[in-house]
Amino acid sequence: MTYQAANEAERTGGAEWVPWREAAERALYGPRGFYRRPEGPAGHFRTSVHASPLYAAAVARLLRETAEDLPAAVAEVALVDIGAGRGELLAGVLAALPDGFPVRAYAVERAARPAGLDPRIEWGERPPAGVSGLLFANEWLDNVPVDVAEVDDAGVPRYVLVRADGEERLGDPVAGADAAWLARWWPPAGPGTRAEIGRPRDAAWAAAVACLDVGLAVAVDYAHRAGDRPPFGTLTGFRGGREVRPVPDGGCDITAHVALDACAGPGAELVSQREALRRLGVFGARPPLALASTDPTAYVRALASAGEAAELTAPGGLGDFVWLLQPVPAR
């Protein structure tokens, strides 16, 4: 069965084999998809947002810095959280902002609005249009479904088809815009090597950034760059805090690292989370021991904060996330 025939047969309920992009879309965001489950992402894996309130405080500082650079005519500063989970980051940022800061918070998420969320947070499936401020997407792009390509024995990149049980086989040769994307951003290597075709992520990021009239757009994700692409791809699954085989049945997260350099627009900067958070005042340095004698309570608090900062910036861990910083000049 060809790639196109597999697509058509699956839509009509007659076949098992579909491209990874279609399978992941259904498994993550379908009626019984992983991201519509009541426990939310925090029930299965730990992100920077859940690791420490220092992360939300750093985003709050970035929002204030962004506001300082906005035109004087902007009276209300937007904070748009793409892939908002259950609103944890927005709630933390609002709590960290000074009283009276003129912010309007938007959560963009396909799941339903959670009960008890701060009423100041507007909830919807699409970004607002024509706002000015900070757009922040923490671990969103890695869950934008993509097709997977594998090079066959003849050296031809082919789409990888998958069943709901996770079994795979090769489909048609990669063609058209997908082939052009691979040639530009992830050139095929030898037989058996794989790549995730990031074109849908490029488009999703461009569409998200377009909601800003002026400000700063930030995407944070595990990422790789041209010249350092993993030869066998990064597609994987997570469930209950553990990495598992990616099975598109709605029972686990399905994720792949992001070619953020392909997403980046003019003037964008790519930096590690370690560097980005240091710029925002988050360091993992221990407090001076003398503080333990003069103010033991403050020392304990500072020590706990230093430990949380160290986790957020640790090499080999959360510190290896990459921040895409995309300025949006006034249109």
C-alpha atoms as a PDB file:
ATOM      1  CA  MET A   1       0.000   0.000   0.000  1.00  0.00           C
ATOM      2  CA  THR A   2       1.373   3.426  -0.943  1.00  0.00           C
ATOM      3  CA  TYR A   3       1.731   6.343   1.447  1.00  0.00           C
ATOM      4  CA  GLN A   4      -1.265   8.125  -0.104  1.00  0.00           C
ATOM      5  CA  ALA A   5      -3.383   4.950  -0.112  1.00  0.00           C
ATOM      6  CA  ALA A   6      -2.555   4.304   3.538  1.00  0.00           C
ATOM      7  CA  ASN A   7      -3.746   7.813   4.387  1.00  0.00           C
ATOM      8  CA  GLU A   8      -7.012   7.390   2.522  1.00  0.00           C
ATOM      9  CA  ALA A   9      -7.696   3.916   3.894  1.00  0.00           C
ATOM     10  CA  GLU A  10      -7.083   5.042   7.465  1.00  0.00           C
ATOM     11  CA  ARG A  11      -9.473   7.957   7.060  1.00  0.00           C
ATOM     12  CA  THR A  12     -12.157   5.568   5.919  1.00  0.00           C
ATOM     13  CA  GLY A  13     -11.426   3.129   8.733  1.00  0.00           C
ATOM     14  CA  GLY A  14      -9.995   0.376   6.547  1.00  0.00           C
ATOM     15  CA  ALA A  15      -6.251   0.214   7.195  1.00  0.00           C
ATOM     16  CA  GLU A  16      -3.734   0.311  10.032  1.00  0.00           C
ATOM     17  CA  TRP A  17      -0.708   1.975   8.480  1.00  0.00           C
ATOM     18  CA  VAL A  18      -0.474   5.800   8.579  1.00  0.00           C
ATOM     19  CA  PRO A  19       2.372   8.354   8.570  1.00  0.00           C
ATOM     20  CA  TRP A  20       3.760   9.335  11.973  1.00  0.00           C
ATOM     21  CA  ARG A  21       2.444  12.886  11.720  1.00  0.00           C
ATOM     22  CA  GLU A  22      -1.135  11.707  11.346  1.00  0.00           C
ATOM     23  CA  ALA A  23      -0.785   9.000  13.997  1.00  0.00           C
ATOM     24  CA  ALA A  24       0.740  11.397  16.535  1.00  0.00           C
ATOM     25  CA  GLU A  25      -1.882  14.077  15.880  1.00  0.00           C
ATOM     26  CA  ARG A  26      -4.641  11.625  16.726  1.00  0.00           C
ATOM     27  CA  ALA A  27      -2.788  10.059  19.669  1.00  0.00           C
ATOM     28  CA  LEU A  28      -1.943  13.407  21.279  1.00  0.00           C
ATOM     29  CA  TYR A  29      -4.899  15.626  20.420  1.00  0.00           C
ATOM     30  CA  GLY A  30      -7.763  13.383  19.320  1.00  0.00           C
ATOM     31  CA  PRO A  31     -10.915  13.010  21.444  1.00  0.00           C
ATOM     32  CA  ARG A  32      -9.114  10.575  23.763  1.00  0.00           C
ATOM     33  CA  GLY A  33      -5.648  11.908  23.120  1.00  0.00           C
ATOM     34  CA  PHE A  34      -2.840  12.076  25.646  1.00  0.00           C
ATOM     35  CA  TYR A  35      -3.005  15.858  26.046  1.00  0.00           C
ATOM     36  CA  ARG A  36      -6.717  15.818  26.737  1.00  0.00           C
ATOM     37  CA  ARG A  37      -6.315  13.552  29.769  1.00  0.00           C
ATOM     38  CA  PRO A  38      -7.328  15.165  33.087  1.00  0.00           C
ATOM     39  CA  GLU A  39      -3.922  14.834  34.781  1.00  0.00           C
ATOM     40  CA  GLY A  40      -2.217  16.948  32.129  1.00  0.00           C
ATOM     41  CA  PRO A  41       1.476  16.827  31.209  1.00  0.00           C
ATOM     42  CA  ALA A  42       2.575  17.256  34.850  1.00  0.00           C
ATOM     43  CA  GLY A  43       1.181  13.812  35.570  1.00  0.00           C
ATOM     44  CA  HIS A  44       3.781  12.215  33.307  1.00  0.00           C
ATOM     45  CA  PHE A  45       6.934  14.322  33.113  1.00  0.00           C
ATOM     46  CA  ARG A  46       8.696  17.162  34.878  1.00  0.00           C
ATOM     47  CA  THR A  47       9.337  20.380  32.997  1.00  0.00           C
ATOM     48  CA  SER A  48      11.149  23.537  34.034  1.00  0.00           C
ATOM     49  CA  VAL A  49       7.773  25.047  34.902  1.00  0.00           C
ATOM     50  CA  HIS A  50       7.161  22.332  37.495  1.00  0.00           C
ATOM     51  CA  ALA A  51      10.751  22.215  38.775  1.00  0.00           C
ATOM     52  CA  SER A  52      10.798  25.600  40.492  1.00  0.00           C
ATOM     53  CA  PRO A  53       8.907  28.894  40.814  1.00  0.00           C
ATOM     54  CA  LEU A  54      12.195  30.518  39.810  1.00  0.00           C
ATOM     55  CA  TYR A  55      11.326  29.662  36.217  1.00  0.00           C
ATOM     56  CA  ALA A  56       8.064  31.604  36.287  1.00  0.00           C
ATOM     57  CA  ALA A  57       9.846  34.457  38.080  1.00  0.00           C
ATOM     58  CA  ALA A  58      12.433  34.546  35.270  1.00  0.00           C
ATOM     59  CA  VAL A  59       9.672  34.696  32.647  1.00  0.00           C
ATOM     60  CA  ALA A  60       8.054  37.507  34.650  1.00  0.00           C
ATOM     61  CA  ARG A  61      11.323  39.422  34.514  1.00  0.00           C
ATOM     62  CA  LEU A  62      11.574  38.796  30.766  1.00  0.00           C
ATOM     63  CA  LEU A  63       8.020  40.110  30.389  1.00  0.00           C
ATOM     64  CA  ARG A  64       8.931  43.296  32.264  1.00  0.00           C
ATOM     65  CA  GLU A  65      12.048  43.774  30.122  1.00  0.00           C
ATOM     66  CA  THR A  66       9.987  43.241  26.975  1.00  0.00           C
ATOM     67  CA  ALA A  67       7.426  45.779  28.180  1.00  0.00           C
ATOM     68  CA  GLU A  68      10.154  48.387  28.578  1.00  0.00           C
ATOM     69  CA  ASP A  69      10.965  48.114  24.874  1.00  0.00           C
ATOM     70  CA  LEU A  70       7.382  48.377  23.631  1.00  0.00           C
ATOM     71  CA  PRO A  71       6.081  51.572  22.032  1.00  0.00           C
ATOM     72  CA  ALA A  72       4.652  54.073  24.517  1.00  0.00           C
ATOM     73  CA  ALA A  73       1.217  53.663  22.950  1.00  0.00           C
ATOM     74  CA  VAL A  74       0.962  50.067  24.217  1.00  0.00           C
ATOM     75  CA  ALA A  75      -1.111  50.345  27.383  1.00  0.00           C
ATOM     76  CA  GLU A  76      -1.607  46.631  28.044  1.00  0.00           C
ATOM     77  CA  VAL A  77       1.183  44.061  27.774  1.00  0.00           C
ATOM     78  CA  ALA A  78       0.206  40.634  26.448  1.00  0.00           C
ATOM     79  CA  LEU A  79       1.648  37.403  27.803  1.00  0.00           C
ATOM     80  CA  VAL A  80       0.750  34.539  25.459  1.00  0.00           C
ATOM     81  CA  ASP A  81       1.594  31.013  26.663  1.00  0.00           C
ATOM     82  CA  ILE A  82       1.503  28.540  23.755  1.00  0.00           C
ATOM     83  CA  GLY A  83       0.995  24.950  24.879  1.00  0.00           C
ATOM     84  CA  ALA A  84      -0.076  26.146  28.311  1.00  0.00           C
ATOM     85  CA  GLY A  85      -0.672  22.722  29.859  1.00  0.00           C
ATOM     86  CA  ARG A  86      -2.944  23.431  32.788  1.00  0.00           C
ATOM     87  CA  GLY A  87      -1.922  27.077  33.138  1.00  0.00           C
ATOM     88  CA  GLU A  88       0.876  26.511  35.652  1.00  0.00           C
ATOM     89  CA  LEU A  89       3.372  28.891  34.048  1.00  0.00           C
ATOM     90  CA  LEU A  90       0.904  31.731  33.606  1.00  0.00           C
ATOM     91  CA  ALA A  91      -0.293  31.408  37.190  1.00  0.00           C
ATOM     92  CA  GLY A  92       3.301  31.541  38.389  1.00  0.00           C
ATOM     93  CA  VAL A  93       4.164  34.565  36.260  1.00  0.00           C
ATOM     94  CA  LEU A  94       1.107  36.486  37.426  1.00  0.00           C
ATOM     95  CA  ALA A  95       2.048  35.752  41.027  1.00  0.00           C
ATOM     96  CA  ALA A  96       5.602  37.009  40.424  1.00  0.00           C
ATOM     97  CA  LEU A  97       4.641  40.297  38.755  1.00  0.00           C
ATOM     98  CA  PRO A  98       4.420  43.489  40.819  1.00  0.00           C
ATOM     99  CA  ASP A  99       0.965  44.719  41.751  1.00  0.00           C
ATOM    100  CA  GLY A 100      -0.573  46.866  39.071  1.00  0.00           C
ATOM    101  CA  PHE A 101       1.552  45.579  36.193  1.00  0.00           C
ATOM    102  CA  PRO A 102      -0.639  46.040  33.081  1.00  0.00           C
ATOM    103  CA  VAL A 103      -0.663  42.458  31.794  1.00  0.00           C
ATOM    104  CA  ARG A 104      -3.259  40.467  29.884  1.00  0.00           C
ATOM    105  CA  ALA A 105      -2.585  36.726  30.024  1.00  0.00           C
ATOM    106  CA  TYR A 106      -3.595  34.259  27.311  1.00  0.00           C
ATOM    107  CA  ALA A 107      -3.358  30.465  27.596  1.00  0.00           C
ATOM    108  CA  VAL A 108      -3.323  28.655  24.248  1.00  0.00           C
ATOM    109  CA  GLU A 109      -4.123  24.978  24.734  1.00  0.00           C
ATOM    110  CA  ARG A 110      -6.321  22.317  23.117  1.00  0.00           C
ATOM    111  CA  ALA A 111      -7.381  20.779  26.425  1.00  0.00           C
ATOM    112  CA  ALA A 112     -10.332  22.236  28.332  1.00  0.00           C
ATOM    113  CA  ARG A 113      -9.802  25.060  30.805  1.00  0.00           C
ATOM    114  CA  PRO A 114      -8.947  23.561  34.211  1.00  0.00           C
ATOM    115  CA  ALA A 115     -11.153  24.280  37.203  1.00  0.00           C
ATOM    116  CA  GLY A 116      -9.934  26.907  39.628  1.00  0.00           C
ATOM    117  CA  LEU A 117      -7.592  28.667  37.214  1.00  0.00           C
ATOM    118  CA  ASP A 118      -6.888  32.348  37.879  1.00  0.00           C
ATOM    119  CA  PRO A 119      -9.811  34.207  36.244  1.00  0.00           C
ATOM    120  CA  ARG A 120      -7.399  36.751  34.761  1.00  0.00           C
ATOM    121  CA  ILE A 121      -6.140  34.071  32.365  1.00  0.00           C
ATOM    122  CA  GLU A 122      -8.011  33.894  29.052  1.00  0.00           C
ATOM    123  CA  TRP A 123      -8.217  30.369  27.648  1.00  0.00           C
ATOM    124  CA  GLY A 124      -8.469  29.302  24.012  1.00  0.00           C
ATOM    125  CA  GLU A 125      -7.213  26.975  21.302  1.00  0.00           C
ATOM    126  CA  ARG A 126      -5.702  29.735  19.139  1.00  0.00           C
ATOM    127  CA  PRO A 127      -3.404  32.664  19.888  1.00  0.00           C
ATOM    128  CA  PRO A 128      -4.993  36.102  20.076  1.00  0.00           C
ATOM    129  CA  ALA A 129      -4.426  38.371  17.098  1.00  0.00           C
ATOM    130  CA  GLY A 130      -2.766  41.764  17.083  1.00  0.00           C
ATOM    131  CA  VAL A 131      -1.319  41.831  20.607  1.00  0.00           C
ATOM    132  CA  SER A 132       1.932  43.333  21.853  1.00  0.00           C
ATOM    133  CA  GLY A 133       4.241  41.775  24.427  1.00  0.00           C
ATOM    134  CA  LEU A 134       5.782  38.371  25.100  1.00  0.00           C
ATOM    135  CA  LEU A 135       4.863  35.071  23.478  1.00  0.00           C
ATOM    136  CA  PHE A 136       6.324  32.095  25.335  1.00  0.00           C
ATOM    137  CA  ALA A 137       6.209  28.458  24.208  1.00  0.00           C
ATOM    138  CA  ASN A 138       7.755  26.061  26.694  1.00  0.00           C
ATOM    139  CA  GLU A 139       8.094  22.521  25.320  1.00  0.00           C
ATOM    140  CA  TRP A 140       5.376  23.082  22.738  1.00  0.00           C
ATOM    141  CA  LEU A 141       7.103  22.599  19.401  1.00  0.00           C
ATOM    142  CA  ASP A 142       8.366  19.127  20.312  1.00  0.00           C
ATOM    143  CA  ASN A 143       4.707  18.056  20.458  1.00  0.00           C
ATOM    144  CA  VAL A 144       3.790  19.505  17.077  1.00  0.00           C
ATOM    145  CA  PRO A 145       3.502  16.221  15.109  1.00  0.00           C
ATOM    146  CA  VAL A 146       5.925  15.623  12.259  1.00  0.00           C
ATOM    147  CA  ASP A 147       6.497  12.946   9.676  1.00  0.00           C
ATOM    148  CA  VAL A 148       9.482  10.639  10.047  1.00  0.00           C
ATOM    149  CA  ALA A 149      11.748   9.670   7.164  1.00  0.00           C
ATOM    150  CA  GLU A 150      14.101   6.703   6.930  1.00  0.00           C
ATOM    151  CA  VAL A 151      16.664   6.021   4.209  1.00  0.00           C
ATOM    152  CA  ASP A 152      16.109   2.649   2.534  1.00  0.00           C
ATOM    153  CA  ASP A 153      18.788   0.232   1.314  1.00  0.00           C
ATOM    154  CA  ALA A 154      18.929   2.031  -2.035  1.00  0.00           C
ATOM    155  CA  GLY A 155      19.645   5.374  -0.356  1.00  0.00           C
ATOM    156  CA  VAL A 156      16.122   6.754  -0.881  1.00  0.00           C
ATOM    157  CA  PRO A 157      14.442   8.618   2.043  1.00  0.00           C
ATOM    158  CA  ARG A 158      10.962   7.183   2.600  1.00  0.00           C
ATOM    159  CA  TYR A 159       8.117   8.111   4.909  1.00  0.00           C
ATOM    160  CA  VAL A 160       7.833   5.842   7.940  1.00  0.00           C
ATOM    161  CA  LEU A 161       4.333   4.433   8.444  1.00  0.00           C
ATOM    162  CA  VAL A 162       3.143   3.252  11.852  1.00  0.00           C
ATOM    163  CA  ARG A 163       0.292   1.262  13.376  1.00  0.00           C
ATOM    164  CA  ALA A 164      -1.479   2.020  16.653  1.00  0.00           C
ATOM    165  CA  ASP A 165       0.666  -0.649  18.348  1.00  0.00           C
ATOM    166  CA  GLY A 166       3.877   1.168  17.358  1.00  0.00           C
ATOM    167  CA  GLU A 167       4.993  -1.216  14.624  1.00  0.00           C
ATOM    168  CA  GLU A 168       6.529   0.528  11.614  1.00  0.00           C
ATOM    169  CA  ARG A 169       7.214   0.009   7.929  1.00  0.00           C
ATOM    170  CA  LEU A 170       8.443   2.177   5.075  1.00  0.00           C
ATOM    171  CA  GLY A 171       6.082   3.946   2.694  1.00  0.00           C
ATOM    172  CA  ASP A 172       6.544   6.123  -0.373  1.00  0.00           C
ATOM    173  CA  PRO A 173       9.658   8.192  -1.104  1.00  0.00           C
ATOM    174  CA  VAL A 174       9.711  11.625   0.511  1.00  0.00           C
ATOM    175  CA  ALA A 175       8.799  14.206  -2.126  1.00  0.00           C
ATOM    176  CA  GLY A 176       7.865  17.841  -2.719  1.00  0.00           C
ATOM    177  CA  ALA A 177       8.228  20.387   0.067  1.00  0.00           C
ATOM    178  CA  ASP A 178       9.196  17.681   2.577  1.00  0.00           C
ATOM    179  CA  ALA A 179      12.088  16.566   0.374  1.00  0.00           C
ATOM    180  CA  ALA A 180      13.198  20.180  -0.030  1.00  0.00           C
ATOM    181  CA  TRP A 181      13.113  20.664   3.746  1.00  0.00           C
ATOM    182  CA  LEU A 182      15.259  17.570   4.299  1.00  0.00           C
ATOM    183  CA  ALA A 183      17.762  18.688   1.667  1.00  0.00           C
ATOM    184  CA  ARG A 184      18.052  22.117   3.320  1.00  0.00           C
ATOM    185  CA  TRP A 185      17.917  21.256   7.012  1.00  0.00           C
ATOM    186  CA  TRP A 186      18.569  17.538   7.544  1.00  0.00           C
ATOM    187  CA  PRO A 187      20.265  15.984   4.497  1.00  0.00           C
ATOM    188  CA  PRO A 188      19.731  12.209   4.324  1.00  0.00           C
ATOM    189  CA  ALA A 189      22.691  10.069   5.311  1.00  0.00           C
ATOM    190  CA  GLY A 190      23.239   6.347   4.743  1.00  0.00           C
ATOM    191  CA  PRO A 191      20.713   3.495   4.748  1.00  0.00           C
ATOM    192  CA  GLY A 192      18.865   3.068   8.038  1.00  0.00           C
ATOM    193  CA  THR A 193      19.346   6.666   9.167  1.00  0.00           C
ATOM    194  CA  ARG A 194      16.268   8.666  10.106  1.00  0.00           C
ATOM    195  CA  ALA A 195      15.081  12.247  10.333  1.00  0.00           C
ATOM    196  CA  GLU A 196      12.036  14.082  11.634  1.00  0.00           C
ATOM    197  CA  ILE A 197      10.692  16.431   8.950  1.00  0.00           C
ATOM    198  CA  GLY A 198      10.283  19.693  10.853  1.00  0.00           C
ATOM    199  CA  ARG A 199       8.326  21.646   8.247  1.00  0.00           C
ATOM    200  CA  PRO A 200       5.044  21.635  10.286  1.00  0.00           C
ATOM    201  CA  ARG A 201       6.927  23.073  13.252  1.00  0.00           C
ATOM    202  CA  ASP A 202       8.399  25.873  11.156  1.00  0.00           C
ATOM    203  CA  ALA A 203       4.876  26.752  10.021  1.00  0.00           C
ATOM    204  CA  ALA A 204       3.387  26.462  13.512  1.00  0.00           C
ATOM    205  CA  TRP A 205       6.048  28.750  14.966  1.00  0.00           C
ATOM    206  CA  ALA A 206       5.644  31.328  12.194  1.00  0.00           C
ATOM    207  CA  ALA A 207       1.876  31.360  12.737  1.00  0.00           C
ATOM    208  CA  ALA A 208       2.300  31.795  16.498  1.00  0.00           C
ATOM    209  CA  VAL A 209       4.801  34.643  16.113  1.00  0.00           C
ATOM    210  CA  ALA A 210       2.421  36.377  13.710  1.00  0.00           C
ATOM    211  CA  CYS A 211      -0.004  37.046  16.580  1.00  0.00           C
ATOM    212  CA  LEU A 212       2.406  39.697  17.893  1.00  0.00           C
ATOM    213  CA  ASP A 213       2.319  43.197  16.467  1.00  0.00           C
ATOM    214  CA  VAL A 214       5.513  43.942  18.391  1.00  0.00           C
ATOM    215  CA  GLY A 215       7.457  42.287  21.186  1.00  0.00           C
ATOM    216  CA  LEU A 216       9.414  39.087  21.729  1.00  0.00           C
ATOM    217  CA  ALA A 217       8.614  35.461  20.920  1.00  0.00           C
ATOM    218  CA  VAL A 218      10.421  32.672  22.786  1.00  0.00           C
ATOM    219  CA  ALA A 219      10.376  28.933  22.142  1.00  0.00           C
ATOM    220  CA  VAL A 220      12.067  26.602  24.635  1.00  0.00           C
ATOM    221  CA  ASP A 221      12.752  22.981  23.754  1.00  0.00           C
ATOM    222  CA  TYR A 222      15.273  20.200  23.490  1.00  0.00           C
ATOM    223  CA  ALA A 223      16.804  20.967  20.128  1.00  0.00           C
ATOM    224  CA  HIS A 224      19.553  20.247  17.617  1.00  0.00           C
ATOM    225  CA  ARG A 225      21.143  22.297  14.878  1.00  0.00           C
ATOM    226  CA  ALA A 226      22.478  21.778  11.367  1.00  0.00           C
ATOM    227  CA  GLY A 227      25.729  19.854  11.503  1.00  0.00           C
ATOM    228  CA  ASP A 228      24.716  18.141  14.740  1.00  0.00           C
ATOM    229  CA  ARG A 229      21.541  16.265  13.792  1.00  0.00           C
ATOM    230  CA  PRO A 230      21.115  12.868  15.469  1.00  0.00           C
ATOM    231  CA  PRO A 231      21.585  10.193  12.769  1.00  0.00           C
ATOM    232  CA  PHE A 232      18.664   8.069  13.916  1.00  0.00           C
ATOM    233  CA  GLY A 233      16.250  10.816  14.959  1.00  0.00           C
ATOM    234  CA  THR A 234      14.851  11.490  18.423  1.00  0.00           C
ATOM    235  CA  LEU A 235      11.260  10.253  18.295  1.00  0.00           C
ATOM    236  CA  THR A 236      10.309   8.774  21.675  1.00  0.00           C
ATOM    237  CA  GLY A 237       7.526   8.445  24.232  1.00  0.00           C
ATOM    238  CA  PHE A 238       7.017   9.361  27.888  1.00  0.00           C
ATOM    239  CA  ARG A 239       4.577   7.956  30.399  1.00  0.00           C
ATOM    240  CA  GLY A 240       4.499   8.175  34.180  1.00  0.00           C
ATOM    241  CA  GLY A 241       7.856   9.939  34.367  1.00  0.00           C
ATOM    242  CA  ARG A 242       9.677   7.326  32.256  1.00  0.00           C
ATOM    243  CA  GLU A 243      10.875   7.235  28.681  1.00  0.00           C
ATOM    244  CA  VAL A 244       9.004   4.542  26.764  1.00  0.00           C
ATOM    245  CA  ARG A 245       8.672   3.235  23.223  1.00  0.00           C
ATOM    246  CA  PRO A 246       6.580   5.688  21.162  1.00  0.00           C
ATOM    247  CA  VAL A 247       3.218   4.024  20.614  1.00  0.00           C
ATOM    248  CA  PRO A 248       0.508   6.240  19.055  1.00  0.00           C
ATOM    249  CA  ASP A 249      -2.432   4.867  21.029  1.00  0.00           C
ATOM    250  CA  GLY A 250      -3.068   7.887  23.293  1.00  0.00           C
ATOM    251  CA  GLY A 251      -1.425   6.255  26.290  1.00  0.00           C
ATOM    252  CA  CYS A 252       1.886   8.132  26.200  1.00  0.00           C
ATOM    253  CA  ASP A 253       3.414  11.418  25.144  1.00  0.00           C
ATOM    254  CA  ILE A 254       5.012  11.337  21.693  1.00  0.00           C
ATOM    255  CA  THR A 255       7.810  13.809  21.241  1.00  0.00           C
ATOM    256  CA  ALA A 256      10.897  14.574  19.159  1.00  0.00           C
ATOM    257  CA  HIS A 257      13.587  17.194  19.548  1.00  0.00           C
ATOM    258  CA  VAL A 258      13.200  20.350  17.469  1.00  0.00           C
ATOM    259  CA  ALA A 259      15.306  21.753  14.639  1.00  0.00           C
ATOM    260  CA  LEU A 260      14.991  25.222  16.142  1.00  0.00           C
ATOM    261  CA  ASP A 261      17.456  26.700  13.678  1.00  0.00           C
ATOM    262  CA  ALA A 262      14.953  25.895  10.923  1.00  0.00           C
ATOM    263  CA  CYS A 263      12.178  27.659  12.860  1.00  0.00           C
ATOM    264  CA  ALA A 264      14.202  30.795  13.554  1.00  0.00           C
ATOM    265  CA  GLY A 265      13.290  33.982  11.738  1.00  0.00           C
ATOM    266  CA  PRO A 266      15.401  37.077  10.980  1.00  0.00           C
ATOM    267  CA  GLY A 267      17.269  38.416  13.991  1.00  0.00           C
ATOM    268  CA  ALA A 268      16.642  35.333  16.118  1.00  0.00           C
ATOM    269  CA  GLU A 269      19.132  34.077  18.696  1.00  0.00           C
ATOM    270  CA  LEU A 270      19.599  30.511  19.963  1.00  0.00           C
ATOM    271  CA  VAL A 271      21.033  30.138  23.468  1.00  0.00           C
ATOM    272  CA  SER A 272      21.077  27.394  26.074  1.00  0.00           C
ATOM    273  CA  GLN A 273      18.616  27.589  28.938  1.00  0.00           C
ATOM    274  CA  ARG A 274      21.607  27.890  31.232  1.00  0.00           C
ATOM    275  CA  GLU A 275      22.664  31.100  29.484  1.00  0.00           C
ATOM    276  CA  ALA A 276      19.116  32.443  29.084  1.00  0.00           C
ATOM    277  CA  LEU A 277      18.296  32.033  32.772  1.00  0.00           C
ATOM    278  CA  ARG A 278      21.620  33.504  33.846  1.00  0.00           C
ATOM    279  CA  ARG A 279      20.724  36.635  31.874  1.00  0.00           C
ATOM    280  CA  LEU A 280      17.489  36.739  33.880  1.00  0.00           C
ATOM    281  CA  GLY A 281      19.243  36.433  37.235  1.00  0.00           C
ATOM    282  CA  VAL A 282      18.880  32.691  37.873  1.00  0.00           C
ATOM    283  CA  PHE A 283      22.164  31.246  39.190  1.00  0.00           C
ATOM    284  CA  GLY A 284      22.939  28.024  41.008  1.00  0.00           C
ATOM    285  CA  ALA A 285      25.566  29.534  43.326  1.00  0.00           C
ATOM    286  CA  ARG A 286      25.345  28.612  47.011  1.00  0.00           C
ATOM    287  CA  PRO A 287      24.741  31.495  49.462  1.00  0.00           C
ATOM    288  CA  PRO A 288      27.705  32.639  51.599  1.00  0.00           C
ATOM    289  CA  LEU A 289      28.195  30.428  54.655  1.00  0.00           C
ATOM    290  CA  ALA A 290      28.388  33.510  56.873  1.00  0.00           C
ATOM    291  CA  LEU A 291      24.671  34.040  56.263  1.00  0.00           C
ATOM    292  CA  ALA A 292      23.974  30.851  58.207  1.00  0.00           C
ATOM    293  CA  SER A 293      25.270  32.548  61.325  1.00  0.00           C
ATOM    294  CA  THR A 294      23.671  35.944  60.877  1.00  0.00           C
ATOM    295  CA  ASP A 295      20.291  34.841  59.479  1.00  0.00           C
ATOM    296  CA  PRO A 296      19.780  31.046  59.515  1.00  0.00           C
ATOM    297  CA  THR A 297      16.262  31.252  58.067  1.00  0.00           C
ATOM    298  CA  ALA A 298      17.402  33.358  55.135  1.00  0.00           C
ATOM    299  CA  TYR A 299      20.324  30.977  54.581  1.00  0.00           C
ATOM    300  CA  VAL A 300      18.015  27.959  54.359  1.00  0.00           C
ATOM    301  CA  ARG A 301      15.756  29.783  51.906  1.00  0.00           C
ATOM    302  CA  ALA A 302      18.719  30.887  49.792  1.00  0.00           C
ATOM    303  CA  LEU A 303      20.164  27.373  49.829  1.00  0.00           C
ATOM    304  CA  ALA A 304      16.876  25.892  48.615  1.00  0.00           C
ATOM    305  CA  SER A 305      16.646  28.529  45.888  1.00  0.00           C
ATOM    306  CA  ALA A 306      20.213  27.803  44.790  1.00  0.00           C
ATOM    307  CA  GLY A 307      19.381  24.115  44.517  1.00  0.00           C
ATOM    308  CA  GLU A 308      16.359  24.842  42.336  1.00  0.00           C
ATOM    309  CA  ALA A 309      18.391  27.218  40.171  1.00  0.00           C
ATOM    310  CA  ALA A 310      21.076  24.562  39.792  1.00  0.00           C
ATOM    311  CA  GLU A 311      18.472  22.070  38.536  1.00  0.00           C
ATOM    312  CA  LEU A 312      17.093  24.560  35.999  1.00  0.00           C
ATOM    313  CA  THR A 313      20.557  25.325  34.616  1.00  0.00           C
ATOM    314  CA  ALA A 314      22.312  21.957  34.994  1.00  0.00           C
ATOM    315  CA  PRO A 315      24.353  20.698  32.014  1.00  0.00           C
ATOM    316  CA  GLY A 316      23.051  17.337  30.911  1.00  0.00           C
ATOM    317  CA  GLY A 317      19.606  18.216  32.250  1.00  0.00           C
ATOM    318  CA  LEU A 318      17.232  21.167  32.052  1.00  0.00           C
ATOM    319  CA  GLY A 319      20.117  23.518  31.347  1.00  0.00           C
ATOM    320  CA  ASP A 320      20.530  21.885  27.935  1.00  0.00           C
ATOM    321  CA  PHE A 321      17.192  23.159  26.664  1.00  0.00           C
ATOM    322  CA  VAL A 322      17.593  25.707  23.879  1.00  0.00           C
ATOM    323  CA  TRP A 323      15.821  29.069  23.888  1.00  0.00           C
ATOM    324  CA  LEU A 324      14.874  30.584  20.538  1.00  0.00           C
ATOM    325  CA  LEU A 325      14.619  34.342  21.125  1.00  0.00           C
ATOM    326  CA  GLN A 326      12.751  35.957  18.213  1.00  0.00           C
ATOM    327  CA  PRO A 327      12.336  39.752  18.303  1.00  0.00           C
ATOM    328  CA  VAL A 328       9.206  41.011  16.593  1.00  0.00           C
ATOM    329  CA  PRO A 329       9.666  44.592  15.364  1.00  0.00           C
ATOM    330  CA  ALA A 330       6.676  46.890  15.121  1.00  0.00           C
ATOM    331  CA  ARG A 331       4.694  46.065  12.026  1.00  0.00           C
END
